[in-house]
Protein backbone atom coordinates (compact mmCIF):
# COMPACT_ATOMS: atom_id res chain seq x y z
CA MET A 1 131.31 130.88 81.33
CA ALA A 2 133.48 127.89 82.08
CA ARG A 3 133.87 126.51 85.59
CA TRP A 4 136.46 128.38 87.67
CA ARG A 5 139.84 126.77 88.12
CA CYS A 6 143.18 128.08 89.21
CA ILE A 7 145.97 128.26 86.67
CA GLN A 8 149.22 126.91 88.05
CA PHE A 9 152.33 129.02 88.37
CA CYS A 10 150.47 132.33 88.43
CA GLY A 11 150.41 133.51 92.05
CA ALA A 12 148.58 136.77 91.40
CA CYS A 13 146.37 136.07 94.40
CA CYS A 14 149.53 135.86 96.53
CA HIS A 15 150.13 139.57 96.04
CA LEU A 16 148.52 140.59 99.33
CA ALA A 17 149.31 144.32 99.59
CA PRO A 18 146.64 145.65 101.99
CA SER A 19 146.63 148.99 100.16
CA ASP A 20 145.17 147.12 97.17
CA ARG A 21 142.46 145.53 99.36
CA PRO A 22 141.02 148.28 101.60
CA ASP A 23 137.92 146.22 102.41
CA LEU A 24 139.72 143.31 104.13
CA ALA A 25 138.01 143.93 107.47
CA GLU A 26 134.61 143.58 105.77
CA TYR A 27 135.12 139.91 104.92
CA LEU A 28 137.81 138.66 107.30
CA SER A 29 137.34 138.12 111.02
CA ALA A 30 139.66 140.04 113.34
CA GLU A 31 141.74 136.87 113.80
CA GLU A 32 141.91 136.23 110.04
CA LEU A 33 142.85 139.84 109.37
CA ALA A 34 145.74 139.62 111.83
CA GLU A 35 146.92 136.39 110.18
CA TYR A 36 146.58 137.94 106.71
CA LEU A 37 148.59 141.02 107.68
CA ALA A 38 151.30 138.82 109.24
CA MET A 39 151.64 137.03 105.89
CA VAL A 40 152.37 140.23 103.91
CA GLY A 41 156.03 140.76 103.14
CA ALA A 42 157.71 144.14 102.69
CA ASP A 43 157.19 143.85 98.92
CA GLY A 44 153.44 143.20 99.27
CA TRP A 45 153.76 139.51 98.38
CA CYS A 46 152.83 136.68 100.71
CA ILE A 47 155.87 135.53 102.65
CA TYR A 48 154.95 131.95 101.75
CA PHE A 49 154.94 132.55 97.99
CA ASP A 50 158.07 131.13 96.39
CA HIS A 51 158.84 133.42 93.46
CA SER A 52 161.26 130.95 91.86
CA THR A 53 158.72 128.12 91.64
CA ARG A 54 155.61 130.34 91.73
CA LYS A 55 154.06 128.05 94.31
CA CYS A 56 152.79 128.40 97.86
CA SER A 57 155.21 126.85 100.33
CA ILE A 58 152.37 126.14 102.81
CA TYR A 59 149.72 125.15 100.28
CA ASP A 60 148.27 122.23 102.25
CA GLN A 61 148.24 124.29 105.47
CA ARG A 62 147.24 127.65 103.95
CA PRO A 63 144.54 129.63 105.77
CA GLN A 64 140.88 129.27 104.87
CA PHE A 65 140.80 132.75 103.33
CA CYS A 66 143.36 131.58 100.75
CA ARG A 67 141.08 128.79 99.54
CA VAL A 68 138.81 129.50 96.60
CA THR A 69 135.76 127.40 97.40
CA VAL A 70 132.03 127.91 97.15
CA ASP A 71 131.67 127.72 100.93
CA ASN A 72 134.43 130.28 101.57
CA PHE A 73 133.02 132.71 99.05
CA GLN A 74 129.58 132.37 100.62
CA ARG A 75 131.04 133.01 104.08
CA MET A 76 133.40 135.84 103.17
CA TYR A 77 131.55 137.67 100.41
CA GLY A 78 127.96 136.45 100.68
CA ILE A 79 128.13 135.01 97.16
CA PRO A 80 125.35 132.49 96.42
CA ARG A 81 126.44 129.10 95.07
CA HIS A 82 125.05 129.80 91.62
CA GLN A 83 127.19 132.95 91.32
CA PHE A 84 130.46 131.40 92.51
CA THR A 85 131.96 130.65 89.08
CA GLU A 86 131.29 134.10 87.66
CA PHE A 87 132.52 135.85 90.81
CA ALA A 88 135.67 133.72 91.16
CA ASN A 89 136.56 134.23 87.49
CA GLN A 90 136.04 137.97 87.83
CA CYS A 91 138.22 138.11 90.96
CA CYS A 92 141.03 136.28 89.15
CA MET A 93 140.78 138.48 86.08
CA GLU A 94 140.95 141.65 88.17
CA GLN A 95 143.86 140.40 90.29
CA ILE A 96 145.88 139.11 87.33
CA ALA A 97 145.35 142.39 85.46
CA ALA A 98 146.35 144.43 88.53
CA VAL A 99 149.47 142.38 89.32
CA TYR A 100 150.75 141.35 85.89
CA GLY A 101 148.72 143.36 83.36
CA ALA A 102 145.96 142.47 80.90
CA THR A 103 148.51 141.63 78.22
CA SER A 104 150.63 139.38 80.42
CA ARG A 105 151.43 135.72 79.99
CA GLU A 106 149.36 135.00 83.13
CA TRP A 107 146.34 136.80 81.68
CA GLU A 108 146.64 134.89 78.43
CA ARG A 109 146.93 131.56 80.25
CA PHE A 110 143.86 132.35 82.36
CA VAL A 111 141.74 133.43 79.43
CA ILE A 112 142.90 130.83 76.89
CA CYS A 113 143.93 127.84 78.97
CA GLY A 114 142.16 128.48 82.22
CA SER A 115 138.65 129.14 83.28
CA LEU A 116 137.40 131.16 80.35
CA ALA A 117 138.40 128.72 77.60
């Protein structure tokens, strides 16, 4: 499997609806959970996600839990370094399929142009 990388202009991970992520308290601290919940808009999307540009408006200042890194995945999910790529790719595939569908443009870009190419 190819190395994980984010595909630009997707934003599937910015769909934060807590009902879709019932295990948040298992991998976020109480402080992080409060910050996460404060970021969720009425429509389930992050309040910092700009739908017109499909970019994060606070990208450089985004919280740690929004950063897909080996160290974060070890801390939050207990994923060993050697499993990071597979786990990150799987997370993206599941989120893209849930938000946009497995036949969406975002799915195609991830599979063909992104990490799985």
